[in-house]
């Protein structure tokens, strides 16, 4: 049998280059921050990214789907660290979030603008929570659960409240104090250690 006969059939449609894919997502995010979800259009994204509208519609059925991926791309492939301790996992996650944000241009300014836009657009708020907030909360929750399983943390810990307490100071410093994410997460060790005084098992 010839190589041609055994080769996998070619999938329909043109291959999507990584460069054009990232250009589309980057343009979507930029326009989202200046125009809002209601003002954003596929036509404007295509023009800004230097692609045809058909290229976008081939892979995203609506602008909401496109925005969802652009938002989630700020911290895509979120890992679940497993260093052997809750403290180590939390610090590794913090470092990964900083590196991912710096690589994708999703710093504190971008996040603060997204929060501001989402505060008066219910659909954008749903996209923001589902594609950026909830994935990060699930990872933080798993870190805490493993800490409980290892006996590092008390078994009666309110996980949702603890996630709020771990994330809250970082959100405040990034969105209210306008600190860089690098500066915000440089305090991660001190933050975890302070909370651990109340989370740790009784002596």
N, C-alpha and C. Protein backbone atom coordinates (compact mmCIF):
# COMPACT_ATOMS: atom_id res chain seq x y z
N UNK A 1 0.85 -1.20 0.00
CA UNK A 1 0.00 0.00 0.00
C UNK A 1 0.88 1.24 0.00
N UNK A 2 0.55 2.25 -0.82
CA UNK A 2 1.40 3.43 -0.95
C UNK A 2 1.27 4.33 0.26
N UNK A 3 2.29 5.21 0.43
CA UNK A 3 2.25 6.18 1.53
C UNK A 3 1.04 7.07 1.42
N UNK A 4 0.68 7.41 0.17
CA UNK A 4 -0.45 8.30 -0.04
C UNK A 4 -1.74 7.66 0.46
N UNK A 5 -1.84 6.33 0.23
CA UNK A 5 -3.06 5.64 0.62
C UNK A 5 -3.20 5.51 2.12
N UNK A 6 -2.03 5.40 2.80
CA UNK A 6 -2.06 5.21 4.25
C UNK A 6 -2.05 6.51 5.03
N UNK A 7 -1.82 7.63 4.35
CA UNK A 7 -1.76 8.92 5.04
C UNK A 7 -3.13 9.29 5.56
N UNK A 8 -3.15 10.03 6.68
CA UNK A 8 -4.42 10.46 7.26
C UNK A 8 -5.11 11.44 6.32
N UNK A 9 -6.41 11.36 6.20
CA UNK A 9 -7.13 12.29 5.33
C UNK A 9 -6.98 13.72 5.83
N UNK A 10 -6.83 14.65 4.92
CA UNK A 10 -6.67 16.06 5.28
C UNK A 10 -7.98 16.62 5.79
N UNK A 11 -7.91 17.31 6.88
CA UNK A 11 -9.12 17.92 7.44
C UNK A 11 -9.55 19.10 6.59
N UNK A 12 -10.85 19.31 6.47
CA UNK A 12 -11.33 20.44 5.66
C UNK A 12 -10.96 21.78 6.28
N UNK A 13 -10.83 22.77 5.43
CA UNK A 13 -10.52 24.11 5.92
C UNK A 13 -9.03 24.36 5.97
N UNK A 14 -8.64 25.61 5.90
CA UNK A 14 -7.23 25.96 5.97
C UNK A 14 -6.72 25.85 7.40
N UNK A 15 -5.45 25.44 7.56
CA UNK A 15 -4.91 25.38 8.92
C UNK A 15 -4.81 26.78 9.51
N UNK A 16 -5.06 26.89 10.78
CA UNK A 16 -5.01 28.18 11.46
C UNK A 16 -3.64 28.36 12.07
N UNK A 17 -2.89 29.35 11.59
CA UNK A 17 -1.54 29.55 12.11
C UNK A 17 -1.61 30.08 13.53
N UNK A 18 -0.57 29.73 14.30
CA UNK A 18 -0.52 30.19 15.68
C UNK A 18 -0.46 31.71 15.74
N UNK A 19 0.24 32.32 14.80
CA UNK A 19 0.40 33.78 14.80
C UNK A 19 -0.94 34.47 14.57
N UNK A 20 -1.69 34.01 13.58
CA UNK A 20 -2.98 34.65 13.30
C UNK A 20 -3.96 34.40 14.43
N UNK A 21 -3.88 33.22 15.03
CA UNK A 21 -4.76 32.89 16.15
C UNK A 21 -4.53 33.85 17.31
N UNK A 22 -3.26 34.06 17.65
CA UNK A 22 -2.93 34.97 18.75
C UNK A 22 -3.26 36.41 18.39
N UNK A 23 -3.08 36.76 17.13
CA UNK A 23 -3.41 38.13 16.69
C UNK A 23 -4.90 38.40 16.84
N UNK A 24 -5.71 37.40 16.53
CA UNK A 24 -7.16 37.55 16.66
C UNK A 24 -7.55 37.71 18.13
N UNK A 25 -6.99 36.86 19.00
CA UNK A 25 -7.32 36.94 20.42
C UNK A 25 -6.83 38.24 21.03
N UNK A 26 -5.63 38.67 20.64
CA UNK A 26 -5.09 39.92 21.16
C UNK A 26 -5.93 41.11 20.71
N UNK A 27 -6.33 41.11 19.44
CA UNK A 27 -7.16 42.20 18.91
C UNK A 27 -8.52 42.22 19.58
N UNK A 28 -9.06 41.04 19.84
CA UNK A 28 -10.36 40.94 20.53
C UNK A 28 -10.27 41.58 21.91
N UNK A 29 -9.22 41.25 22.65
CA UNK A 29 -9.06 41.79 23.99
C UNK A 29 -8.86 43.30 23.96
N UNK A 30 -8.06 43.78 23.03
CA UNK A 30 -7.82 45.22 22.92
C UNK A 30 -9.11 45.98 22.62
N UNK A 31 -9.90 45.45 21.70
CA UNK A 31 -11.16 46.11 21.34
C UNK A 31 -12.18 45.98 22.47
N UNK A 32 -12.14 44.86 23.17
CA UNK A 32 -13.05 44.68 24.30
C UNK A 32 -12.83 45.76 25.36
N UNK A 33 -11.57 46.12 25.57
CA UNK A 33 -11.24 47.10 26.59
C UNK A 33 -11.57 48.52 26.16
N UNK A 34 -11.62 48.76 24.86
CA UNK A 34 -11.92 50.12 24.38
C UNK A 34 -13.38 50.29 23.96
N UNK A 35 -13.99 49.22 23.47
CA UNK A 35 -15.35 49.33 22.94
C UNK A 35 -16.40 48.65 23.81
N UNK A 36 -15.95 47.75 24.72
CA UNK A 36 -16.90 46.96 25.49
C UNK A 36 -17.46 45.83 24.65
N UNK A 37 -18.18 44.92 25.28
CA UNK A 37 -18.71 43.77 24.56
C UNK A 37 -19.75 44.19 23.53
N UNK A 38 -20.60 45.13 23.89
CA UNK A 38 -21.65 45.56 22.96
C UNK A 38 -21.08 46.26 21.74
N UNK A 39 -20.02 47.03 21.92
CA UNK A 39 -19.45 47.77 20.81
C UNK A 39 -18.48 46.97 19.97
N UNK A 40 -18.05 45.83 20.46
CA UNK A 40 -17.10 45.00 19.73
C UNK A 40 -17.79 44.30 18.58
N UNK A 41 -17.12 44.21 17.44
CA UNK A 41 -17.69 43.54 16.28
C UNK A 41 -16.64 42.62 15.66
N UNK A 42 -17.11 41.57 15.00
CA UNK A 42 -16.22 40.65 14.31
C UNK A 42 -15.46 41.40 13.22
N UNK A 43 -16.13 42.32 12.54
CA UNK A 43 -15.50 43.09 11.48
C UNK A 43 -14.31 43.88 12.01
N UNK A 44 -14.49 44.52 13.16
CA UNK A 44 -13.41 45.32 13.73
C UNK A 44 -12.24 44.44 14.17
N UNK A 45 -12.55 43.28 14.73
CA UNK A 45 -11.49 42.35 15.15
C UNK A 45 -10.70 41.88 13.93
N UNK A 46 -11.42 41.52 12.87
CA UNK A 46 -10.75 41.04 11.66
C UNK A 46 -9.83 42.11 11.08
N UNK A 47 -10.31 43.34 11.03
CA UNK A 47 -9.50 44.43 10.49
C UNK A 47 -8.26 44.67 11.35
N UNK A 48 -8.43 44.66 12.65
CA UNK A 48 -7.30 44.92 13.55
C UNK A 48 -6.28 43.79 13.51
N UNK A 49 -6.77 42.55 13.37
CA UNK A 49 -5.87 41.39 13.35
C UNK A 49 -5.27 41.13 11.97
N UNK A 50 -5.81 41.79 10.95
CA UNK A 50 -5.29 41.60 9.61
C UNK A 50 -5.71 40.27 8.98
N UNK A 51 -6.94 39.84 9.31
CA UNK A 51 -7.46 38.60 8.73
C UNK A 51 -8.85 38.86 8.15
N UNK A 52 -9.37 37.91 7.42
CA UNK A 52 -10.72 38.04 6.89
C UNK A 52 -11.77 37.61 7.91
N UNK A 53 -12.97 38.13 7.77
CA UNK A 53 -14.05 37.74 8.69
C UNK A 53 -14.30 36.23 8.63
N UNK A 54 -14.16 35.66 7.44
CA UNK A 54 -14.41 34.23 7.27
C UNK A 54 -13.46 33.41 8.14
N UNK A 55 -12.23 33.90 8.31
CA UNK A 55 -11.26 33.19 9.15
C UNK A 55 -11.75 33.10 10.58
N UNK A 56 -12.34 34.19 11.06
CA UNK A 56 -12.85 34.20 12.44
C UNK A 56 -14.08 33.32 12.56
N UNK A 57 -15.03 33.48 11.63
CA UNK A 57 -16.27 32.71 11.72
C UNK A 57 -16.04 31.22 11.51
N UNK A 58 -14.91 30.87 10.89
CA UNK A 58 -14.60 29.46 10.68
C UNK A 58 -14.32 28.75 12.01
N UNK A 59 -13.88 29.52 13.00
CA UNK A 59 -13.46 28.91 14.26
C UNK A 59 -14.25 29.38 15.48
N UNK A 60 -14.97 30.49 15.34
CA UNK A 60 -15.81 30.98 16.44
C UNK A 60 -17.19 31.31 15.89
N UNK A 61 -18.21 30.78 16.50
CA UNK A 61 -19.56 30.95 15.96
C UNK A 61 -20.17 32.29 16.32
N UNK A 62 -19.61 32.96 17.34
CA UNK A 62 -20.16 34.26 17.76
C UNK A 62 -19.07 35.08 18.41
N UNK A 63 -19.33 36.37 18.58
CA UNK A 63 -18.33 37.20 19.23
C UNK A 63 -18.20 36.85 20.71
N UNK A 64 -19.29 36.32 21.29
CA UNK A 64 -19.21 35.89 22.69
C UNK A 64 -18.24 34.73 22.86
N UNK A 65 -18.26 33.78 21.92
CA UNK A 65 -17.31 32.66 21.96
C UNK A 65 -15.89 33.17 21.79
N UNK A 66 -15.71 34.13 20.91
CA UNK A 66 -14.39 34.70 20.67
C UNK A 66 -13.89 35.43 21.91
N UNK A 67 -14.74 36.21 22.54
CA UNK A 67 -14.36 36.93 23.75
C UNK A 67 -14.03 35.95 24.87
N UNK A 68 -14.82 34.88 24.99
CA UNK A 68 -14.57 33.89 26.03
C UNK A 68 -13.17 33.31 25.90
N UNK A 69 -12.76 32.97 24.68
CA UNK A 69 -11.41 32.41 24.51
C UNK A 69 -10.34 33.47 24.74
N UNK A 70 -10.60 34.71 24.31
CA UNK A 70 -9.62 35.77 24.52
C UNK A 70 -9.39 36.02 26.01
N UNK A 71 -10.47 35.98 26.79
CA UNK A 71 -10.36 36.18 28.23
C UNK A 71 -9.64 35.00 28.89
N UNK A 72 -10.04 33.78 28.53
CA UNK A 72 -9.42 32.60 29.13
C UNK A 72 -7.96 32.49 28.72
N UNK A 73 -7.60 33.05 27.57
CA UNK A 73 -6.22 32.97 27.09
C UNK A 73 -5.26 33.79 27.96
N UNK A 74 -5.80 34.69 28.77
CA UNK A 74 -4.94 35.46 29.67
C UNK A 74 -4.19 34.52 30.61
N UNK A 75 -4.82 33.43 31.00
CA UNK A 75 -4.18 32.45 31.87
C UNK A 75 -4.54 31.05 31.38
N UNK A 76 -4.24 30.78 30.11
CA UNK A 76 -4.57 29.49 29.54
C UNK A 76 -3.73 28.38 30.17
N UNK A 77 -4.24 27.18 30.10
CA UNK A 77 -3.53 25.99 30.59
C UNK A 77 -3.09 26.15 32.05
N UNK A 78 -4.01 26.62 32.86
CA UNK A 78 -3.73 26.84 34.27
C UNK A 78 -3.33 25.52 34.93
N UNK A 79 -2.14 25.44 35.53
CA UNK A 79 -1.69 24.18 36.13
C UNK A 79 -2.24 23.99 37.54
N UNK A 80 -2.15 22.77 38.03
CA UNK A 80 -2.44 22.48 39.43
C UNK A 80 -1.13 22.01 40.05
N UNK A 81 -0.37 22.93 40.66
CA UNK A 81 0.95 22.56 41.19
C UNK A 81 0.85 21.45 42.22
N UNK A 82 1.89 20.64 42.30
CA UNK A 82 1.92 19.56 43.29
C UNK A 82 3.34 19.46 43.83
N UNK A 83 3.69 20.38 44.71
CA UNK A 83 5.04 20.44 45.26
C UNK A 83 5.19 19.59 46.52
N UNK A 84 4.09 19.10 47.04
CA UNK A 84 4.14 18.34 48.27
C UNK A 84 3.67 19.10 49.49
N UNK A 85 3.40 20.41 49.31
CA UNK A 85 2.88 21.21 50.42
C UNK A 85 1.95 22.27 49.87
N UNK A 86 0.96 22.67 50.68
CA UNK A 86 0.02 23.70 50.25
C UNK A 86 0.74 25.02 50.02
N UNK A 87 1.69 25.33 50.87
CA UNK A 87 2.45 26.58 50.73
C UNK A 87 3.23 26.59 49.43
N UNK A 88 3.93 25.50 49.15
CA UNK A 88 4.69 25.42 47.91
C UNK A 88 3.80 25.49 46.68
N UNK A 89 2.65 24.82 46.74
CA UNK A 89 1.71 24.86 45.61
C UNK A 89 1.20 26.28 45.38
N UNK A 90 0.85 26.97 46.47
CA UNK A 90 0.33 28.32 46.35
C UNK A 90 1.37 29.27 45.76
N UNK A 91 2.61 29.16 46.20
CA UNK A 91 3.66 30.04 45.70
C UNK A 91 3.99 29.73 44.23
N UNK A 92 3.96 28.44 43.87
CA UNK A 92 4.23 28.09 42.47
C UNK A 92 3.11 28.60 41.57
N UNK A 93 1.87 28.49 42.04
CA UNK A 93 0.74 29.01 41.27
C UNK A 93 0.86 30.52 41.09
N UNK A 94 1.23 31.23 42.15
CA UNK A 94 1.40 32.69 42.06
C UNK A 94 2.45 33.05 41.03
N UNK A 95 3.57 32.35 41.03
CA UNK A 95 4.63 32.63 40.07
C UNK A 95 4.18 32.34 38.65
N UNK A 96 3.41 31.27 38.47
CA UNK A 96 2.93 30.93 37.13
C UNK A 96 1.96 32.00 36.62
N UNK A 97 1.09 32.49 37.49
CA UNK A 97 0.13 33.51 37.08
C UNK A 97 0.84 34.79 36.63
N UNK A 98 1.89 35.17 37.34
CA UNK A 98 2.66 36.36 36.95
C UNK A 98 3.31 36.15 35.59
N UNK A 99 3.99 35.01 35.42
CA UNK A 99 4.68 34.74 34.16
C UNK A 99 3.70 34.67 32.99
N UNK A 100 2.55 34.03 33.20
CA UNK A 100 1.55 33.92 32.13
C UNK A 100 0.99 35.28 31.76
N UNK A 101 0.73 36.11 32.76
CA UNK A 101 0.19 37.45 32.49
C UNK A 101 1.21 38.29 31.75
N UNK A 102 2.47 38.22 32.14
CA UNK A 102 3.51 39.01 31.47
C UNK A 102 3.70 38.55 30.03
N UNK A 103 3.62 37.24 29.81
CA UNK A 103 3.80 36.69 28.47
C UNK A 103 2.67 37.09 27.54
N UNK A 104 1.45 37.12 28.06
CA UNK A 104 0.28 37.39 27.22
C UNK A 104 -0.20 38.83 27.30
N UNK A 105 0.51 39.66 28.03
CA UNK A 105 0.12 41.06 28.13
C UNK A 105 -1.11 41.28 28.96
N UNK A 106 -1.38 40.38 29.91
CA UNK A 106 -2.57 40.50 30.75
C UNK A 106 -2.23 40.96 32.14
N UNK A 107 -1.59 42.11 32.25
CA UNK A 107 -1.18 42.64 33.54
C UNK A 107 -2.33 43.21 34.33
N UNK A 108 -1.99 43.87 35.44
CA UNK A 108 -3.01 44.40 36.34
C UNK A 108 -3.91 45.42 35.64
N UNK A 109 -3.35 46.22 34.73
CA UNK A 109 -4.16 47.23 34.04
C UNK A 109 -5.24 46.56 33.19
N UNK A 110 -4.86 45.49 32.48
CA UNK A 110 -5.82 44.79 31.65
C UNK A 110 -6.92 44.18 32.52
N UNK A 111 -6.52 43.55 33.63
CA UNK A 111 -7.50 42.92 34.50
C UNK A 111 -8.44 43.95 35.12
N UNK A 112 -7.90 45.09 35.52
CA UNK A 112 -8.74 46.12 36.13
C UNK A 112 -9.75 46.66 35.12
N UNK A 113 -9.34 46.80 33.87
CA UNK A 113 -10.25 47.28 32.84
C UNK A 113 -11.33 46.23 32.56
N UNK A 114 -10.94 44.96 32.56
CA UNK A 114 -11.93 43.91 32.36
C UNK A 114 -12.96 43.90 33.47
N UNK A 115 -12.50 44.05 34.70
CA UNK A 115 -13.41 44.09 35.84
C UNK A 115 -14.36 45.27 35.71
N UNK A 116 -13.83 46.43 35.31
CA UNK A 116 -14.66 47.62 35.16
C UNK A 116 -15.72 47.41 34.08
N UNK A 117 -15.32 46.82 32.94
CA UNK A 117 -16.27 46.56 31.86
C UNK A 117 -17.33 45.55 32.31
N UNK A 118 -16.87 44.51 33.02
CA UNK A 118 -17.79 43.45 33.42
C UNK A 118 -18.79 43.92 34.46
N UNK A 119 -18.43 44.96 35.21
CA UNK A 119 -19.31 45.43 36.28
C UNK A 119 -20.62 46.01 35.75
N UNK A 120 -20.65 46.46 34.51
CA UNK A 120 -21.90 47.01 33.96
C UNK A 120 -22.34 46.29 32.68
N UNK A 121 -21.85 45.04 32.49
CA UNK A 121 -22.29 44.24 31.36
C UNK A 121 -22.47 42.81 31.85
N UNK A 122 -23.71 42.39 32.03
CA UNK A 122 -23.99 41.09 32.64
C UNK A 122 -23.40 39.94 31.83
N UNK A 123 -23.51 40.00 30.51
CA UNK A 123 -22.98 38.91 29.68
C UNK A 123 -21.46 38.85 29.78
N UNK A 124 -20.79 39.99 29.76
CA UNK A 124 -19.34 40.01 29.89
C UNK A 124 -18.92 39.51 31.26
N UNK A 125 -19.70 39.88 32.28
CA UNK A 125 -19.42 39.41 33.63
C UNK A 125 -19.48 37.89 33.69
N UNK A 126 -20.48 37.29 33.04
CA UNK A 126 -20.59 35.83 33.01
C UNK A 126 -19.39 35.21 32.33
N UNK A 127 -18.95 35.80 31.22
CA UNK A 127 -17.78 35.30 30.49
C UNK A 127 -16.52 35.42 31.35
N UNK A 128 -16.36 36.55 32.00
CA UNK A 128 -15.19 36.82 32.83
C UNK A 128 -15.11 35.82 33.99
N UNK A 129 -16.23 35.60 34.66
CA UNK A 129 -16.24 34.69 35.81
C UNK A 129 -16.00 33.25 35.36
N UNK A 130 -16.67 32.83 34.29
CA UNK A 130 -16.57 31.44 33.85
C UNK A 130 -15.21 31.10 33.28
N UNK A 131 -14.55 32.04 32.63
CA UNK A 131 -13.33 31.74 31.89
C UNK A 131 -12.05 32.24 32.55
N UNK A 132 -12.16 33.03 33.60
CA UNK A 132 -10.95 33.51 34.27
C UNK A 132 -11.01 33.30 35.77
N UNK A 133 -12.13 33.69 36.38
CA UNK A 133 -12.22 33.62 37.84
C UNK A 133 -12.40 32.18 38.33
N UNK A 134 -13.39 31.48 37.81
CA UNK A 134 -13.70 30.15 38.31
C UNK A 134 -12.56 29.14 38.11
N UNK A 135 -11.89 29.13 36.95
CA UNK A 135 -10.77 28.18 36.83
C UNK A 135 -9.69 28.41 37.88
N UNK A 136 -9.41 29.66 38.22
CA UNK A 136 -8.40 29.94 39.23
C UNK A 136 -8.88 29.54 40.63
N UNK A 137 -10.16 29.73 40.89
CA UNK A 137 -10.71 29.32 42.19
C UNK A 137 -10.68 27.79 42.34
N UNK A 138 -10.93 27.08 41.24
CA UNK A 138 -10.90 25.61 41.32
C UNK A 138 -9.49 25.11 41.65
N UNK A 139 -8.48 25.73 41.05
CA UNK A 139 -7.10 25.33 41.35
C UNK A 139 -6.76 25.64 42.80
N UNK A 140 -7.12 26.83 43.26
CA UNK A 140 -6.86 27.19 44.66
C UNK A 140 -7.58 26.25 45.60
N UNK A 141 -8.80 25.87 45.26
CA UNK A 141 -9.57 24.95 46.09
C UNK A 141 -8.90 23.59 46.17
N UNK A 142 -8.37 23.12 45.04
CA UNK A 142 -7.69 21.83 45.04
C UNK A 142 -6.43 21.87 45.90
N UNK A 143 -5.70 22.97 45.85
CA UNK A 143 -4.50 23.13 46.68
C UNK A 143 -4.87 23.02 48.15
N UNK A 144 -5.95 23.70 48.54
CA UNK A 144 -6.38 23.67 49.93
C UNK A 144 -6.88 22.28 50.33
N UNK A 145 -7.61 21.62 49.43
CA UNK A 145 -8.10 20.27 49.72
C UNK A 145 -6.95 19.31 49.98
N UNK A 146 -5.91 19.41 49.16
CA UNK A 146 -4.76 18.53 49.37
C UNK A 146 -4.05 18.86 50.68
N UNK A 147 -4.05 20.15 51.04
CA UNK A 147 -3.46 20.53 52.31
C UNK A 147 -4.20 19.91 53.48
N UNK A 148 -5.53 19.82 53.36
CA UNK A 148 -6.34 19.17 54.39
C UNK A 148 -6.04 17.67 54.42
N UNK A 149 -5.96 17.06 53.23
CA UNK A 149 -5.70 15.62 53.15
C UNK A 149 -4.35 15.26 53.76
N UNK A 150 -3.37 16.16 53.63
CA UNK A 150 -2.03 15.90 54.18
C UNK A 150 -1.92 16.27 55.65
N UNK A 151 -2.97 16.86 56.20
CA UNK A 151 -2.94 17.26 57.60
C UNK A 151 -2.27 18.59 57.85
N UNK A 152 -1.99 19.34 56.77
CA UNK A 152 -1.37 20.66 56.93
C UNK A 152 -2.39 21.70 57.39
N UNK A 153 -3.64 21.52 56.97
CA UNK A 153 -4.69 22.48 57.26
C UNK A 153 -5.81 21.79 58.04
N UNK A 154 -6.55 22.57 58.79
CA UNK A 154 -7.67 22.03 59.56
C UNK A 154 -8.74 21.44 58.65
N UNK A 155 -9.38 20.40 59.13
CA UNK A 155 -10.43 19.76 58.33
C UNK A 155 -11.71 20.56 58.25
N UNK A 156 -11.89 21.54 59.15
CA UNK A 156 -13.13 22.31 59.16
C UNK A 156 -12.99 23.64 58.42
N UNK A 157 -11.94 23.75 57.60
CA UNK A 157 -11.71 25.00 56.87
C UNK A 157 -12.83 25.25 55.86
N UNK A 158 -13.35 26.46 55.82
CA UNK A 158 -14.33 26.88 54.82
C UNK A 158 -13.55 27.23 53.55
N UNK A 159 -13.54 26.31 52.58
CA UNK A 159 -12.70 26.48 51.40
C UNK A 159 -13.02 27.76 50.62
N UNK A 160 -14.30 28.04 50.43
CA UNK A 160 -14.67 29.22 49.65
C UNK A 160 -14.19 30.50 50.34
N UNK A 161 -14.31 30.55 51.65
CA UNK A 161 -13.85 31.72 52.40
C UNK A 161 -12.33 31.82 52.34
N UNK A 162 -11.64 30.70 52.43
CA UNK A 162 -10.18 30.73 52.38
C UNK A 162 -9.68 31.19 51.01
N UNK A 163 -10.36 30.76 49.96
CA UNK A 163 -9.99 31.22 48.62
C UNK A 163 -10.17 32.73 48.52
N UNK A 164 -11.28 33.23 49.07
CA UNK A 164 -11.51 34.68 49.08
C UNK A 164 -10.38 35.41 49.82
N UNK A 165 -9.95 34.84 50.94
CA UNK A 165 -8.93 35.49 51.75
C UNK A 165 -7.55 35.44 51.08
N UNK A 166 -7.29 34.39 50.31
CA UNK A 166 -6.03 34.30 49.59
C UNK A 166 -6.02 35.24 48.39
N UNK A 167 -7.16 35.34 47.71
CA UNK A 167 -7.23 36.15 46.49
C UNK A 167 -7.48 37.62 46.79
N UNK A 168 -8.24 37.91 47.84
CA UNK A 168 -8.67 39.28 48.11
C UNK A 168 -7.56 40.30 48.18
N UNK A 169 -6.51 40.09 48.98
CA UNK A 169 -5.44 41.09 49.05
C UNK A 169 -4.75 41.32 47.72
N UNK A 170 -4.61 40.26 46.91
CA UNK A 170 -3.98 40.40 45.61
C UNK A 170 -4.84 41.24 44.67
N UNK A 171 -6.15 40.97 44.69
CA UNK A 171 -7.06 41.74 43.85
C UNK A 171 -7.06 43.21 44.27
N UNK A 172 -7.07 43.46 45.56
CA UNK A 172 -7.08 44.83 46.07
C UNK A 172 -5.83 45.58 45.61
N UNK A 173 -4.67 44.96 45.76
CA UNK A 173 -3.43 45.66 45.41
C UNK A 173 -3.30 45.85 43.90
N UNK A 174 -3.81 44.90 43.12
CA UNK A 174 -3.72 45.03 41.67
C UNK A 174 -4.73 46.02 41.11
N UNK A 175 -5.98 45.94 41.58
CA UNK A 175 -7.05 46.72 40.96
C UNK A 175 -7.28 48.06 41.64
N UNK A 176 -7.01 48.15 42.94
CA UNK A 176 -7.23 49.41 43.65
C UNK A 176 -5.94 50.21 43.79
N UNK A 177 -4.87 49.53 44.19
CA UNK A 177 -3.58 50.21 44.37
C UNK A 177 -2.77 50.27 43.08
N UNK A 178 -3.21 49.55 42.05
CA UNK A 178 -2.57 49.56 40.72
C UNK A 178 -1.10 49.14 40.78
N UNK A 179 -0.82 48.16 41.61
CA UNK A 179 0.52 47.61 41.64
C UNK A 179 0.69 46.60 40.50
N UNK A 180 1.92 46.40 40.07
CA UNK A 180 2.18 45.39 39.04
C UNK A 180 1.93 44.01 39.64
N UNK A 181 1.60 43.06 38.77
CA UNK A 181 1.36 41.71 39.26
C UNK A 181 2.61 41.12 39.88
N UNK A 182 3.77 41.50 39.36
CA UNK A 182 5.02 41.02 39.94
C UNK A 182 5.16 41.50 41.38
N UNK A 183 4.82 42.76 41.64
CA UNK A 183 4.89 43.29 43.01
C UNK A 183 3.81 42.66 43.89
N UNK A 184 2.63 42.49 43.31
CA UNK A 184 1.52 41.91 44.09
C UNK A 184 1.89 40.52 44.59
N UNK A 185 2.34 39.67 43.69
CA UNK A 185 2.60 38.29 44.06
C UNK A 185 3.93 38.09 44.76
N UNK A 186 4.76 39.14 44.83
CA UNK A 186 5.99 39.03 45.62
C UNK A 186 5.65 38.88 47.10
N UNK A 187 4.42 39.26 47.47
CA UNK A 187 3.98 39.14 48.87
C UNK A 187 3.29 37.82 49.15
N UNK A 188 3.24 36.93 48.16
CA UNK A 188 2.54 35.66 48.32
C UNK A 188 3.05 34.84 49.50
N UNK A 189 4.37 34.74 49.72
CA UNK A 189 4.82 33.95 50.88
C UNK A 189 4.32 34.52 52.20
N UNK A 190 4.42 35.83 52.36
CA UNK A 190 3.97 36.46 53.61
C UNK A 190 2.47 36.31 53.78
N UNK A 191 1.72 36.41 52.68
CA UNK A 191 0.27 36.27 52.75
C UNK A 191 -0.12 34.87 53.20
N UNK A 192 0.47 33.86 52.58
CA UNK A 192 0.12 32.50 52.95
C UNK A 192 0.52 32.21 54.39
N UNK A 193 1.70 32.67 54.78
CA UNK A 193 2.17 32.41 56.15
C UNK A 193 1.24 33.06 57.18
N UNK A 194 0.75 34.26 56.87
CA UNK A 194 -0.15 34.94 57.80
C UNK A 194 -1.46 34.18 57.94
N UNK A 195 -2.02 33.72 56.82
CA UNK A 195 -3.26 32.98 56.86
C UNK A 195 -3.07 31.60 57.49
N UNK A 196 -1.89 31.03 57.30
CA UNK A 196 -1.65 29.69 57.83
C UNK A 196 -1.75 29.65 59.35
N UNK A 197 -1.51 30.78 59.98
CA UNK A 197 -1.62 30.81 61.45
C UNK A 197 -3.03 30.45 61.89
N UNK A 198 -4.01 30.76 61.06
CA UNK A 198 -5.40 30.42 61.39
C UNK A 198 -5.89 29.15 60.71
N UNK A 199 -5.15 28.70 59.67
CA UNK A 199 -5.57 27.53 58.91
C UNK A 199 -4.97 26.24 59.43
N UNK A 200 -3.83 26.35 60.08
CA UNK A 200 -3.11 25.18 60.49
C UNK A 200 -3.85 24.37 61.55
N UNK A 201 -3.55 23.07 61.64
CA UNK A 201 -4.21 22.22 62.64
C UNK A 201 -3.79 22.62 64.05
N UNK A 202 -4.61 22.36 65.04
CA UNK A 202 -4.24 22.70 66.41
C UNK A 202 -3.04 21.89 66.87
N UNK A 203 -2.23 22.48 67.75
CA UNK A 203 -1.03 21.79 68.25
C UNK A 203 -1.43 20.61 69.14
